Amino acid sequence: MIFIVLTALLLIASLFPQFWVRHVMRKYHKELPGLPGTGGELAQHLINRFELTTTKLEETTEGGDHYDPTTDTVRLSPSNFNRKSLTAVAVASHEVGHAIQFLRKEPISQLRGKYIPLSIMLRKTGTYLLLALPVVTILLKAPVAIGLFIGLSLLMQLAGVLMYLVVLPEEWDASFNKALPILIEGNYLPDHQLGPIQTVLKAAALTYFASALADILNIGRWLMVLRR
Protein backbone atom coordinates (compact mmCIF):
# COMPACT_ATOMS: atom_id res chain seq x y z
CA MET A 1 0.00 0.00 0.00
CA ILE A 2 2.78 2.41 0.96
CA PHE A 3 4.58 1.60 -2.30
CA ILE A 4 1.43 2.41 -4.30
CA VAL A 5 1.04 5.75 -2.48
CA LEU A 6 4.68 6.63 -3.08
CA THR A 7 4.32 5.72 -6.74
CA ALA A 8 1.26 7.95 -7.06
CA LEU A 9 3.09 10.84 -5.40
CA LEU A 10 6.03 10.32 -7.75
CA LEU A 11 3.70 10.43 -10.74
CA ILE A 12 2.10 13.67 -9.59
CA ALA A 13 5.39 15.37 -8.67
CA SER A 14 7.03 14.32 -11.93
CA LEU A 15 4.24 14.97 -14.42
CA PHE A 16 2.38 17.98 -13.01
CA PRO A 17 5.10 20.58 -13.82
CA GLN A 18 5.34 19.35 -17.41
CA PHE A 19 1.56 19.33 -17.84
CA TRP A 20 1.39 22.84 -16.40
CA VAL A 21 4.08 24.16 -18.76
CA ARG A 22 2.35 22.63 -21.78
CA HIS A 23 -1.03 23.94 -20.63
CA VAL A 24 0.30 27.50 -20.29
CA MET A 25 2.06 27.42 -23.65
CA ARG A 26 -1.10 26.18 -25.40
CA LYS A 27 -3.41 28.56 -23.53
CA TYR A 28 -1.53 31.67 -24.66
CA HIS A 29 -0.69 30.44 -28.15
CA LYS A 30 -3.83 32.01 -29.61
CA GLU A 31 -3.17 34.37 -32.53
CA LEU A 32 -3.37 38.04 -31.51
CA PRO A 33 -3.46 40.20 -34.66
CA GLY A 34 -3.00 43.35 -32.57
CA LEU A 35 0.58 42.44 -31.67
CA PRO A 36 3.17 44.41 -33.66
CA GLY A 37 5.01 41.32 -34.89
CA THR A 38 5.60 37.60 -34.76
CA GLY A 39 7.95 35.88 -32.35
CA GLY A 40 10.59 35.70 -35.08
CA GLU A 41 10.22 39.39 -35.90
CA LEU A 42 10.50 40.35 -32.24
CA ALA A 43 13.58 38.16 -31.79
CA GLN A 44 15.30 39.79 -34.78
CA HIS A 45 14.29 43.24 -33.56
CA LEU A 46 15.79 42.54 -30.11
CA ILE A 47 18.97 41.11 -31.65
CA ASN A 48 19.36 44.37 -33.59
CA ARG A 49 18.31 46.59 -30.68
CA PHE A 50 20.87 45.10 -28.29
CA GLU A 51 23.53 44.96 -31.00
CA LEU A 52 24.03 41.22 -30.77
CA THR A 53 26.05 41.42 -33.96
CA THR A 54 27.22 37.80 -33.95
CA THR A 55 23.88 36.29 -32.93
CA LYS A 56 21.93 34.47 -35.62
CA LEU A 57 18.22 33.69 -35.73
CA GLU A 58 16.86 30.48 -37.21
CA GLU A 59 13.52 28.78 -37.61
CA THR A 60 13.95 25.16 -36.62
CA THR A 61 11.93 21.96 -36.47
CA GLU A 62 14.51 20.14 -34.32
CA GLY A 63 15.23 20.57 -30.63
CA GLY A 64 12.41 23.03 -29.98
CA ASP A 65 12.93 26.65 -28.97
CA HIS A 66 16.40 27.23 -27.56
CA TYR A 67 19.55 29.31 -27.61
CA ASP A 68 22.70 27.53 -28.76
CA PRO A 69 25.78 29.22 -27.25
CA THR A 70 28.16 27.06 -29.30
CA THR A 71 26.98 28.76 -32.50
CA ASP A 72 25.47 31.90 -30.90
CA THR A 73 22.11 31.11 -32.48
CA VAL A 74 18.54 31.71 -31.31
CA ARG A 75 16.33 28.95 -32.67
CA LEU A 76 12.54 29.16 -32.62
CA SER A 77 10.00 26.53 -33.60
CA PRO A 78 7.82 27.42 -36.61
CA SER A 79 4.76 28.07 -34.47
CA ASN A 80 6.61 30.65 -32.38
CA PHE A 81 8.69 32.02 -35.24
CA ASN A 82 5.71 32.79 -37.46
CA ARG A 83 2.93 33.44 -34.97
CA LYS A 84 1.65 36.56 -33.19
CA SER A 85 0.84 35.22 -29.74
CA LEU A 86 1.84 35.78 -26.14
CA THR A 87 3.61 32.42 -26.13
CA ALA A 88 5.61 33.36 -29.25
CA VAL A 89 6.55 36.76 -27.83
CA ALA A 90 7.52 35.35 -24.43
CA VAL A 91 9.57 32.47 -25.84
CA ALA A 92 11.34 34.72 -28.36
CA SER A 93 12.31 37.29 -25.72
CA HIS A 94 13.35 34.51 -23.30
CA GLU A 95 15.73 32.96 -25.83
CA VAL A 96 17.16 36.35 -26.79
CA GLY A 97 17.63 36.86 -23.04
CA HIS A 98 20.01 33.89 -23.11
CA ALA A 99 21.90 35.48 -26.00
CA ILE A 100 22.27 38.68 -23.95
CA GLN A 101 23.60 36.64 -21.00
CA PHE A 102 26.15 35.05 -23.30
CA LEU A 103 27.20 38.32 -24.99
CA ARG A 104 27.75 40.00 -21.62
CA LYS A 105 29.67 36.97 -20.36
CA GLU A 106 27.56 36.91 -17.23
CA PRO A 107 28.66 34.21 -14.76
CA ILE A 108 25.12 32.84 -14.68
CA SER A 109 25.33 32.12 -18.42
CA GLN A 110 28.05 29.54 -17.76
CA LEU A 111 25.74 27.26 -15.77
CA ARG A 112 24.16 25.56 -18.79
CA GLY A 113 27.44 24.91 -20.60
CA LYS A 114 29.08 23.61 -17.43
CA TYR A 115 26.38 21.39 -15.95
CA ILE A 116 24.06 20.22 -18.75
CA PRO A 117 26.74 18.11 -20.51
CA LEU A 118 27.55 16.55 -17.13
CA SER A 119 23.85 15.90 -16.51
CA ILE A 120 23.49 14.19 -19.89
CA MET A 121 26.60 12.10 -19.24
CA LEU A 122 25.36 10.94 -15.84
CA ARG A 123 21.92 10.02 -17.15
CA LYS A 124 23.31 8.11 -20.13
CA THR A 125 25.87 6.27 -18.02
CA GLY A 126 23.21 5.30 -15.50
CA THR A 127 21.00 3.97 -18.30
CA TYR A 128 23.86 2.01 -19.85
CA LEU A 129 24.63 0.42 -16.47
CA LEU A 130 21.06 -0.82 -16.20
CA LEU A 131 21.14 -2.16 -19.76
CA ALA A 132 24.28 -4.09 -18.83
CA LEU A 133 22.58 -5.58 -15.76
CA PRO A 134 21.90 -9.05 -17.27
CA VAL A 135 25.60 -9.52 -18.06
CA VAL A 136 26.66 -8.11 -14.69
CA THR A 137 24.24 -10.46 -12.92
CA ILE A 138 25.89 -13.46 -14.60
CA LEU A 139 29.40 -12.23 -13.80
CA LEU A 140 28.91 -11.06 -10.22
CA LYS A 141 26.33 -13.56 -8.95
CA ALA A 142 26.48 -11.90 -5.51
CA PRO A 143 23.12 -10.27 -4.61
CA VAL A 144 24.78 -7.52 -2.57
CA ALA A 145 27.13 -6.55 -5.41
CA ILE A 146 24.26 -6.60 -7.91
CA GLY A 147 22.20 -4.42 -5.58
CA LEU A 148 25.04 -1.91 -5.28
CA PHE A 149 25.41 -1.89 -9.07
CA ILE A 150 21.69 -1.15 -9.50
CA GLY A 151 21.81 1.53 -6.80
CA LEU A 152 24.77 3.23 -8.48
CA SER A 153 22.94 3.25 -11.81
CA LEU A 154 19.77 4.79 -10.39
CA LEU A 155 21.74 7.29 -8.31
CA MET A 156 23.61 8.50 -11.39
CA GLN A 157 20.36 8.97 -13.30
CA LEU A 158 18.74 10.84 -10.42
CA ALA A 159 21.81 13.08 -9.98
CA GLY A 160 21.69 13.89 -13.68
CA VAL A 161 18.03 14.85 -13.49
CA LEU A 162 18.36 16.96 -10.34
CA MET A 163 21.34 18.81 -11.82
CA TYR A 164 18.78 20.80 -13.80
CA LEU A 165 18.09 22.57 -10.50
CA VAL A 166 21.53 24.16 -10.85
CA VAL A 167 20.58 25.57 -14.27
CA LEU A 168 17.23 26.95 -13.09
CA PRO A 169 18.66 30.36 -12.00
CA GLU A 170 19.95 30.91 -15.54
CA GLU A 171 16.51 30.17 -16.99
CA TRP A 172 14.82 32.40 -14.40
CA ASP A 173 17.23 35.25 -15.16
CA ALA A 174 16.53 34.99 -18.89
CA SER A 175 12.79 35.32 -18.23
CA PHE A 176 12.55 37.84 -15.41
CA ASN A 177 15.78 39.86 -15.47
CA LYS A 178 16.05 40.02 -19.24
CA ALA A 179 12.84 39.29 -21.17
CA LEU A 180 10.25 40.86 -18.85
CA PRO A 181 12.02 44.24 -18.40
CA ILE A 182 12.61 44.35 -22.16
CA LEU A 183 8.93 43.79 -22.90
CA ILE A 184 7.79 46.31 -20.28
CA GLU A 185 10.27 49.08 -21.09
CA GLY A 186 9.83 48.66 -24.83
CA ASN A 187 6.03 48.88 -24.59
CA TYR A 188 5.74 45.77 -26.73
CA LEU A 189 2.56 44.70 -24.94
CA PRO A 190 -0.51 46.47 -23.50
CA ASP A 191 -0.64 46.60 -19.69
CA HIS A 192 -3.47 44.06 -19.43
CA GLN A 193 -1.24 41.43 -21.06
CA LEU A 194 1.62 41.77 -18.57
CA GLY A 195 0.07 39.31 -16.10
CA PRO A 196 -0.35 36.54 -18.69
CA ILE A 197 3.10 37.21 -20.18
CA GLN A 198 4.69 36.69 -16.76
CA THR A 199 2.93 33.33 -16.54
CA VAL A 200 4.29 32.30 -19.93
CA LEU A 201 7.79 33.50 -19.03
CA LYS A 202 7.59 31.40 -15.87
CA ALA A 203 6.64 28.38 -17.98
CA ALA A 204 9.54 29.11 -20.35
CA ALA A 205 11.95 29.23 -17.41
CA LEU A 206 10.67 25.90 -16.07
CA THR A 207 10.52 24.02 -19.39
CA TYR A 208 13.80 22.12 -19.08
CA PHE A 209 13.35 21.40 -15.40
CA ALA A 210 9.80 20.14 -15.92
CA SER A 211 11.06 17.83 -18.65
CA ALA A 212 13.82 16.58 -16.35
CA LEU A 213 11.32 15.87 -13.58
CA ALA A 214 9.31 13.77 -16.03
CA ASP A 215 12.44 11.70 -16.57
CA ILE A 216 12.27 10.71 -12.92
CA LEU A 217 9.36 8.51 -14.00
CA ASN A 218 11.81 6.45 -16.00
CA ILE A 219 13.84 5.90 -12.85
CA GLY A 220 10.67 4.96 -10.99
CA ARG A 221 9.76 2.52 -13.76
CA TRP A 222 13.12 0.80 -13.40
CA LEU A 223 12.62 0.56 -9.66
CA MET A 224 9.24 -1.11 -10.17
CA VAL A 225 10.69 -3.56 -12.68
CA LEU A 226 13.68 -4.43 -10.49
CA ARG A 227 11.49 -4.81 -7.40
CA ARG A 228 9.69 -7.78 -8.92
C-alpha atoms as a PDB file:
ATOM      1  CA  MET A   1       0.000   0.000   0.000  1.00  0.00           C
ATOM      2  CA  ILE A   2       2.784   2.405   0.955  1.00  0.00           C
ATOM      3  CA  PHE A   3       4.585   1.599  -2.297  1.00  0.00           C
ATOM      4  CA  ILE A   4       1.430   2.413  -4.297  1.00  0.00           C
ATOM      5  CA  VAL A   5       1.037   5.746  -2.478  1.00  0.00           C
ATOM      6  CA  LEU A   6       4.681   6.634  -3.085  1.00  0.00           C
ATOM      7  CA  THR A   7       4.322   5.717  -6.739  1.00  0.00           C
ATOM      8  CA  ALA A   8       1.260   7.948  -7.062  1.00  0.00           C
ATOM      9  CA  LEU A   9       3.086  10.840  -5.399  1.00  0.00           C
ATOM     10  CA  LEU A  10       6.029  10.319  -7.748  1.00  0.00           C
ATOM     11  CA  LEU A  11       3.701  10.427 -10.745  1.00  0.00           C
ATOM     12  CA  ILE A  12       2.098  13.672  -9.589  1.00  0.00           C
ATOM     13  CA  ALA A  13       5.391  15.368  -8.668  1.00  0.00           C
ATOM     14  CA  SER A  14       7.034  14.321 -11.930  1.00  0.00           C
ATOM     15  CA  LEU A  15       4.244  14.967 -14.416  1.00  0.00           C
ATOM     16  CA  PHE A  16       2.380  17.982 -13.014  1.00  0.00           C
ATOM     17  CA  PRO A  17       5.101  20.579 -13.816  1.00  0.00           C
ATOM     18  CA  GLN A  18       5.344  19.350 -17.409  1.00  0.00           C
ATOM     19  CA  PHE A  19       1.558  19.329 -17.842  1.00  0.00           C
ATOM     20  CA  TRP A  20       1.392  22.842 -16.402  1.00  0.00           C
ATOM     21  CA  VAL A  21       4.083  24.158 -18.758  1.00  0.00           C
ATOM     22  CA  ARG A  22       2.346  22.628 -21.778  1.00  0.00           C
ATOM     23  CA  HIS A  23      -1.033  23.944 -20.634  1.00  0.00           C
ATOM     24  CA  VAL A  24       0.297  27.503 -20.288  1.00  0.00           C
ATOM     25  CA  MET A  25       2.059  27.416 -23.650  1.00  0.00           C
ATOM     26  CA  ARG A  26      -1.103  26.185 -25.401  1.00  0.00           C
ATOM     27  CA  LYS A  27      -3.407  28.561 -23.527  1.00  0.00           C
ATOM     28  CA  TYR A  28      -1.534  31.665 -24.664  1.00  0.00           C
ATOM     29  CA  HIS A  29      -0.692  30.437 -28.152  1.00  0.00           C
ATOM     30  CA  LYS A  30      -3.827  32.015 -29.610  1.00  0.00           C
ATOM     31  CA  GLU A  31      -3.174  34.367 -32.526  1.00  0.00           C
ATOM     32  CA  LEU A  32      -3.367  38.043 -31.507  1.00  0.00           C
ATOM     33  CA  PRO A  33      -3.462  40.199 -34.659  1.00  0.00           C
ATOM     34  CA  GLY A  34      -3.001  43.350 -32.570  1.00  0.00           C
ATOM     35  CA  LEU A  35       0.583  42.437 -31.667  1.00  0.00           C
ATOM     36  CA  PRO A  36       3.171  44.410 -33.662  1.00  0.00           C
ATOM     37  CA  GLY A  37       5.011  41.322 -34.891  1.00  0.00           C
ATOM     38  CA  THR A  38       5.601  37.597 -34.755  1.00  0.00           C
ATOM     39  CA  GLY A  39       7.954  35.881 -32.346  1.00  0.00           C
ATOM     40  CA  GLY A  40      10.591  35.703 -35.078  1.00  0.00           C
ATOM     41  CA  GLU A  41      10.225  39.390 -35.902  1.00  0.00           C
ATOM     42  CA  LEU A  42      10.500  40.350 -32.238  1.00  0.00           C
ATOM     43  CA  ALA A  43      13.581  38.164 -31.786  1.00  0.00           C
ATOM     44  CA  GLN A  44      15.300  39.792 -34.783  1.00  0.00           C
ATOM     45  CA  HIS A  45      14.290  43.241 -33.556  1.00  0.00           C
ATOM     46  CA  LEU A  46      15.791  42.544 -30.112  1.00  0.00           C
ATOM     47  CA  ILE A  47      18.967  41.113 -31.646  1.00  0.00           C
ATOM     48  CA  ASN A  48      19.359  44.366 -33.586  1.00  0.00           C
ATOM     49  CA  ARG A  49      18.313  46.587 -30.681  1.00  0.00           C
ATOM     50  CA  PHE A  50      20.871  45.104 -28.290  1.00  0.00           C
ATOM     51  CA  GLU A  51      23.527  44.959 -30.997  1.00  0.00           C
ATOM     52  CA  LEU A  52      24.030  41.219 -30.769  1.00  0.00           C
ATOM     53  CA  THR A  53      26.053  41.419 -33.962  1.00  0.00           C
ATOM     54  CA  THR A  54      27.218  37.802 -33.947  1.00  0.00           C
ATOM     55  CA  THR A  55      23.879  36.293 -32.929  1.00  0.00           C
ATOM     56  CA  LYS A  56      21.930  34.471 -35.621  1.00  0.00           C
ATOM     57  CA  LEU A  57      18.222  33.691 -35.728  1.00  0.00           C
ATOM     58  CA  GLU A  58      16.861  30.478 -37.207  1.00  0.00           C
ATOM     59  CA  GLU A  59      13.523  28.782 -37.610  1.00  0.00           C
ATOM     60  CA  THR A  60      13.949  25.156 -36.617  1.00  0.00           C
ATOM     61  CA  THR A  61      11.933  21.965 -36.467  1.00  0.00           C
ATOM     62  CA  GLU A  62      14.507  20.136 -34.318  1.00  0.00           C
ATOM     63  CA  GLY A  63      15.231  20.570 -30.627  1.00  0.00           C
ATOM     64  CA  GLY A  64      12.413  23.026 -29.982  1.00  0.00           C
ATOM     65  CA  ASP A  65      12.934  26.651 -28.970  1.00  0.00           C
ATOM     66  CA  HIS A  66      16.403  27.226 -27.558  1.00  0.00           C
ATOM     67  CA  TYR A  67      19.549  29.310 -27.613  1.00  0.00           C
ATOM     68  CA  ASP A  68      22.702  27.526 -28.762  1.00  0.00           C
ATOM     69  CA  PRO A  69      25.783  29.220 -27.247  1.00  0.00           C
ATOM     70  CA  THR A  70      28.162  27.065 -29.297  1.00  0.00           C
ATOM     71  CA  THR A  71      26.983  28.759 -32.499  1.00  0.00           C
ATOM     72  CA  ASP A  72      25.467  31.898 -30.899  1.00  0.00           C
ATOM     73  CA  THR A  73      22.112  31.112 -32.480  1.00  0.00           C
ATOM     74  CA  VAL A  74      18.543  31.715 -31.305  1.00  0.00           C
ATOM     75  CA  ARG A  75      16.330  28.947 -32.672  1.00  0.00           C
ATOM     76  CA  LEU A  76      12.543  29.159 -32.624  1.00  0.00           C
ATOM     77  CA  SER A  77       9.996  26.530 -33.601  1.00  0.00           C
ATOM     78  CA  PRO A  78       7.822  27.419 -36.615  1.00  0.00           C
ATOM     79  CA  SER A  79       4.756  28.073 -34.469  1.00  0.00           C
ATOM     80  CA  ASN A  80       6.609  30.651 -32.380  1.00  0.00           C
ATOM     81  CA  PHE A  81       8.693  32.024 -35.238  1.00  0.00           C
ATOM     82  CA  ASN A  82       5.708  32.785 -37.462  1.00  0.00           C
ATOM     83  CA  ARG A  83       2.933  33.442 -34.966  1.00  0.00           C
ATOM     84  CA  LYS A  84       1.653  36.560 -33.190  1.00  0.00           C
ATOM     85  CA  SER A  85       0.836  35.221 -29.745  1.00  0.00           C
ATOM     86  CA  LEU A  86       1.838  35.778 -26.144  1.00  0.00           C
ATOM     87  CA  THR A  87       3.605  32.424 -26.134  1.00  0.00           C
ATOM     88  CA  ALA A  88       5.605  33.355 -29.245  1.00  0.00           C
ATOM     89  CA  VAL A  89       6.545  36.760 -27.829  1.00  0.00           C
ATOM     90  CA  ALA A  90       7.518  35.354 -24.429  1.00  0.00           C
ATOM     91  CA  VAL A  91       9.571  32.474 -25.837  1.00  0.00           C
ATOM     92  CA  ALA A  92      11.337  34.720 -28.360  1.00  0.00           C
ATOM     93  CA  SER A  93      12.307  37.285 -25.719  1.00  0.00           C
ATOM     94  CA  HIS A  94      13.353  34.509 -23.301  1.00  0.00           C
ATOM     95  CA  GLU A  95      15.725  32.959 -25.828  1.00  0.00           C
ATOM     96  CA  VAL A  96      17.164  36.350 -26.785  1.00  0.00           C
ATOM     97  CA  GLY A  97      17.634  36.859 -23.038  1.00  0.00           C
ATOM     98  CA  HIS A  98      20.012  33.887 -23.109  1.00  0.00           C
ATOM     99  CA  ALA A  99      21.898  35.480 -26.002  1.00  0.00           C
ATOM    100  CA  ILE A 100      22.267  38.680 -23.951  1.00  0.00           C
ATOM    101  CA  GLN A 101      23.600  36.645 -21.005  1.00  0.00           C
ATOM    102  CA  PHE A 102      26.147  35.048 -23.301  1.00  0.00           C
ATOM    103  CA  LEU A 103      27.197  38.316 -24.991  1.00  0.00           C
ATOM    104  CA  ARG A 104      27.746  40.004 -21.620  1.00  0.00           C
ATOM    105  CA  LYS A 105      29.673  36.970 -20.364  1.00  0.00           C
ATOM    106  CA  GLU A 106      27.564  36.909 -17.229  1.00  0.00           C
ATOM    107  CA  PRO A 107      28.662  34.206 -14.764  1.00  0.00           C
ATOM    108  CA  ILE A 108      25.116  32.835 -14.682  1.00  0.00           C
ATOM    109  CA  SER A 109      25.326  32.119 -18.417  1.00  0.00           C
ATOM    110  CA  GLN A 110      28.047  29.544 -17.760  1.00  0.00           C
ATOM    111  CA  LEU A 111      25.736  27.259 -15.773  1.00  0.00           C
ATOM    112  CA  ARG A 112      24.156  25.558 -18.791  1.00  0.00           C
ATOM    113  CA  GLY A 113      27.439  24.911 -20.600  1.00  0.00           C
ATOM    114  CA  LYS A 114      29.076  23.606 -17.428  1.00  0.00           C
ATOM    115  CA  TYR A 115      26.377  21.394 -15.950  1.00  0.00           C
ATOM    116  CA  ILE A 116      24.056  20.223 -18.749  1.00  0.00           C
ATOM    117  CA  PRO A 117      26.741  18.111 -20.507  1.00  0.00           C
ATOM    118  CA  LEU A 118      27.547  16.548 -17.127  1.00  0.00           C
ATOM    119  CA  SER A 119      23.851  15.900 -16.511  1.00  0.00           C
ATOM    120  CA  ILE A 120      23.487  14.189 -19.891  1.00  0.00           C
ATOM    121  CA  MET A 121      26.602  12.097 -19.245  1.00  0.00           C
ATOM    122  CA  LEU A 122      25.360  10.936 -15.842  1.00  0.00           C
ATOM    123  CA  ARG A 123      21.917  10.016 -17.148  1.00  0.00           C
ATOM    124  CA  LYS A 124      23.307   8.109 -20.130  1.00  0.00           C
ATOM    125  CA  THR A 125      25.875   6.274 -18.016  1.00  0.00           C
ATOM    126  CA  GLY A 126      23.209   5.303 -15.498  1.00  0.00           C
ATOM    127  CA  THR A 127      21.000   3.973 -18.296  1.00  0.00           C
ATOM    128  CA  TYR A 128      23.860   2.010 -19.846  1.00  0.00           C
ATOM    129  CA  LEU A 129      24.625   0.424 -16.473  1.00  0.00           C
ATOM    130  CA  LEU A 130      21.057  -0.822 -16.203  1.00  0.00           C
ATOM    131  CA  LEU A 131      21.137  -2.157 -19.755  1.00  0.00           C
ATOM    132  CA  ALA A 132      24.284  -4.092 -18.830  1.00  0.00           C
ATOM    133  CA  LEU A 133      22.582  -5.581 -15.762  1.00  0.00           C
ATOM    134  CA  PRO A 134      21.895  -9.049 -17.273  1.00  0.00           C
ATOM    135  CA  VAL A 135      25.600  -9.521 -18.058  1.00  0.00           C
ATOM    136  CA  VAL A 136      26.660  -8.108 -14.687  1.00  0.00           C
ATOM    137  CA  THR A 137      24.244 -10.457 -12.916  1.00  0.00           C
ATOM    138  CA  ILE A 138      25.891 -13.461 -14.596  1.00  0.00           C
ATOM    139  CA  LEU A 139      29.401 -12.231 -13.798  1.00  0.00           C
ATOM    140  CA  LEU A 140      28.910 -11.063 -10.215  1.00  0.00           C
ATOM    141  CA  LYS A 141      26.330 -13.558  -8.948  1.00  0.00           C
ATOM    142  CA  ALA A 142      26.485 -11.902  -5.514  1.00  0.00           C
ATOM    143  CA  PRO A 143      23.121 -10.273  -4.606  1.00  0.00           C
ATOM    144  CA  VAL A 144      24.784  -7.517  -2.570  1.00  0.00           C
ATOM    145  CA  ALA A 145      27.129  -6.551  -5.413  1.00  0.00           C
ATOM    146  CA  ILE A 146      24.265  -6.604  -7.914  1.00  0.00           C
ATOM    147  CA  GLY A 147      22.197  -4.419  -5.583  1.00  0.00           C
ATOM    148  CA  LEU A 148      25.038  -1.913  -5.276  1.00  0.00           C
ATOM    149  CA  PHE A 149      25.407  -1.888  -9.072  1.00  0.00           C
ATOM    150  CA  ILE A 150      21.694  -1.147  -9.496  1.00  0.00           C
ATOM    151  CA  GLY A 151      21.809   1.528  -6.801  1.00  0.00           C
ATOM    152  CA  LEU A 152      24.771   3.229  -8.479  1.00  0.00           C
ATOM    153  CA  SER A 153      22.939   3.253 -11.813  1.00  0.00           C
ATOM    154  CA  LEU A 154      19.766   4.788 -10.392  1.00  0.00           C
ATOM    155  CA  LEU A 155      21.737   7.286  -8.311  1.00  0.00           C
ATOM    156  CA  MET A 156      23.610   8.500 -11.391  1.00  0.00           C
ATOM    157  CA  GLN A 157      20.356   8.968 -13.303  1.00  0.00           C
ATOM    158  CA  LEU A 158      18.744  10.837 -10.419  1.00  0.00           C
ATOM    159  CA  ALA A 159      21.809  13.078  -9.978  1.00  0.00           C
ATOM    160  CA  GLY A 160      21.692  13.891 -13.684  1.00  0.00           C
ATOM    161  CA  VAL A 161      18.033  14.854 -13.490  1.00  0.00           C
ATOM    162  CA  LEU A 162      18.362  16.958 -10.340  1.00  0.00           C
ATOM    163  CA  MET A 163      21.338  18.809 -11.824  1.00  0.00           C
ATOM    164  CA  TYR A 164      18.776  20.803 -13.797  1.00  0.00           C
ATOM    165  CA  LEU A 165      18.091  22.569 -10.503  1.00  0.00           C
ATOM    166  CA  VAL A 166      21.526  24.165 -10.853  1.00  0.00           C
ATOM    167  CA  VAL A 167      20.579  25.570 -14.268  1.00  0.00           C
ATOM    168  CA  LEU A 168      17.229  26.948 -13.086  1.00  0.00           C
ATOM    169  CA  PRO A 169      18.664  30.359 -12.001  1.00  0.00           C
ATOM    170  CA  GLU A 170      19.949  30.907 -15.543  1.00  0.00           C
ATOM    171  CA  GLU A 171      16.509  30.169 -16.989  1.00  0.00           C
ATOM    172  CA  TRP A 172      14.818  32.399 -14.403  1.00  0.00           C
ATOM    173  CA  ASP A 173      17.233  35.249 -15.156  1.00  0.00           C
ATOM    174  CA  ALA A 174      16.525  34.992 -18.893  1.00  0.00           C
ATOM    175  CA  SER A 175      12.791  35.318 -18.233  1.00  0.00           C
ATOM    176  CA  PHE A 176      12.547  37.842 -15.415  1.00  0.00           C
ATOM    177  CA  ASN A 177      15.780  39.856 -15.468  1.00  0.00           C
ATOM    178  CA  LYS A 178      16.051  40.024 -19.239  1.00  0.00           C
ATOM    179  CA  ALA A 179      12.843  39.286 -21.172  1.00  0.00           C
ATOM    180  CA  LEU A 180      10.251  40.856 -18.846  1.00  0.00           C
ATOM    181  CA  PRO A 181      12.019  44.238 -18.403  1.00  0.00           C
ATOM    182  CA  ILE A 182      12.613  44.350 -22.162  1.00  0.00           C
ATOM    183  CA  LEU A 183       8.930  43.786 -22.902  1.00  0.00           C
ATOM    184  CA  ILE A 184       7.788  46.310 -20.282  1.00  0.00           C
ATOM    185  CA  GLU A 185      10.272  49.076 -21.092  1.00  0.00           C
ATOM    186  CA  GLY A 186       9.834  48.658 -24.833  1.00  0.00           C
ATOM    187  CA  ASN A 187       6.029  48.880 -24.588  1.00  0.00           C
ATOM    188  CA  TYR A 188       5.737  45.765 -26.734  1.00  0.00           C
ATOM    189  CA  LEU A 189       2.557  44.702 -24.944  1.00  0.00           C
ATOM    190  CA  PRO A 190      -0.509  46.474 -23.495  1.00  0.00           C
ATOM    191  CA  ASP A 191      -0.644  46.604 -19.694  1.00  0.00           C
ATOM    192  CA  HIS A 192      -3.465  44.060 -19.428  1.00  0.00           C
ATOM    193  CA  GLN A 193      -1.242  41.431 -21.058  1.00  0.00           C
ATOM    194  CA  LEU A 194       1.617  41.772 -18.565  1.00  0.00           C
ATOM    195  CA  GLY A 195       0.073  39.309 -16.104  1.00  0.00           C
ATOM    196  CA  PRO A 196      -0.346  36.542 -18.693  1.00  0.00           C
ATOM    197  CA  ILE A 197       3.099  37.205 -20.183  1.00  0.00           C
ATOM    198  CA  GLN A 198       4.690  36.693 -16.761  1.00  0.00           C
ATOM    199  CA  THR A 199       2.929  33.332 -16.538  1.00  0.00           C
ATOM    200  CA  VAL A 200       4.286  32.303 -19.935  1.00  0.00           C
ATOM    201  CA  LEU A 201       7.788  33.502 -19.030  1.00  0.00           C
ATOM    202  CA  LYS A 202       7.593  31.399 -15.867  1.00  0.00           C
ATOM    203  CA  ALA A 203       6.636  28.380 -17.978  1.00  0.00           C
ATOM    204  CA  ALA A 204       9.535  29.112 -20.349  1.00  0.00           C
ATOM    205  CA  ALA A 205      11.947  29.228 -17.407  1.00  0.00           C
ATOM    206  CA  LEU A 206      10.666  25.900 -16.069  1.00  0.00           C
ATOM    207  CA  THR A 207      10.518  24.021 -19.393  1.00  0.00           C
ATOM    208  CA  TYR A 208      13.802  22.116 -19.081  1.00  0.00           C
ATOM    209  CA  PHE A 209      13.351  21.400 -15.396  1.00  0.00           C
ATOM    210  CA  ALA A 210       9.801  20.141 -15.922  1.00  0.00           C
ATOM    211  CA  SER A 211      11.062  17.831 -18.645  1.00  0.00           C
ATOM    212  CA  ALA A 212      13.824  16.584 -16.348  1.00  0.00           C
ATOM    213  CA  LEU A 213      11.324  15.872 -13.583  1.00  0.00           C
ATOM    214  CA  ALA A 214       9.314  13.773 -16.026  1.00  0.00           C
ATOM    215  CA  ASP A 215      12.444  11.697 -16.573  1.00  0.00           C
ATOM    216  CA  ILE A 216      12.268  10.706 -12.919  1.00  0.00           C
ATOM    217  CA  LEU A 217       9.364   8.507 -13.997  1.00  0.00           C
ATOM    218  CA  ASN A 218      11.809   6.446 -15.999  1.00  0.00           C
ATOM    219  CA  ILE A 219      13.843   5.904 -12.852  1.00  0.00           C
ATOM    220  CA  GLY A 220      10.668   4.961 -10.988  1.00  0.00           C
ATOM    221  CA  ARG A 221       9.762   2.522 -13.760  1.00  0.00           C
ATOM    222  CA  TRP A 222      13.123   0.796 -13.396  1.00  0.00           C
ATOM    223  CA  LEU A 223      12.616   0.556  -9.655  1.00  0.00           C
ATOM    224  CA  MET A 224       9.236  -1.115 -10.173  1.00  0.00           C
ATOM    225  CA  VAL A 225      10.691  -3.563 -12.682  1.00  0.00           C
ATOM    226  CA  LEU A 226      13.675  -4.435 -10.493  1.00  0.00           C
ATOM    227  CA  ARG A 227      11.490  -4.809  -7.396  1.00  0.00           C
ATOM    228  CA  ARG A 228       9.690  -7.776  -8.919  1.00  0.00           C
END
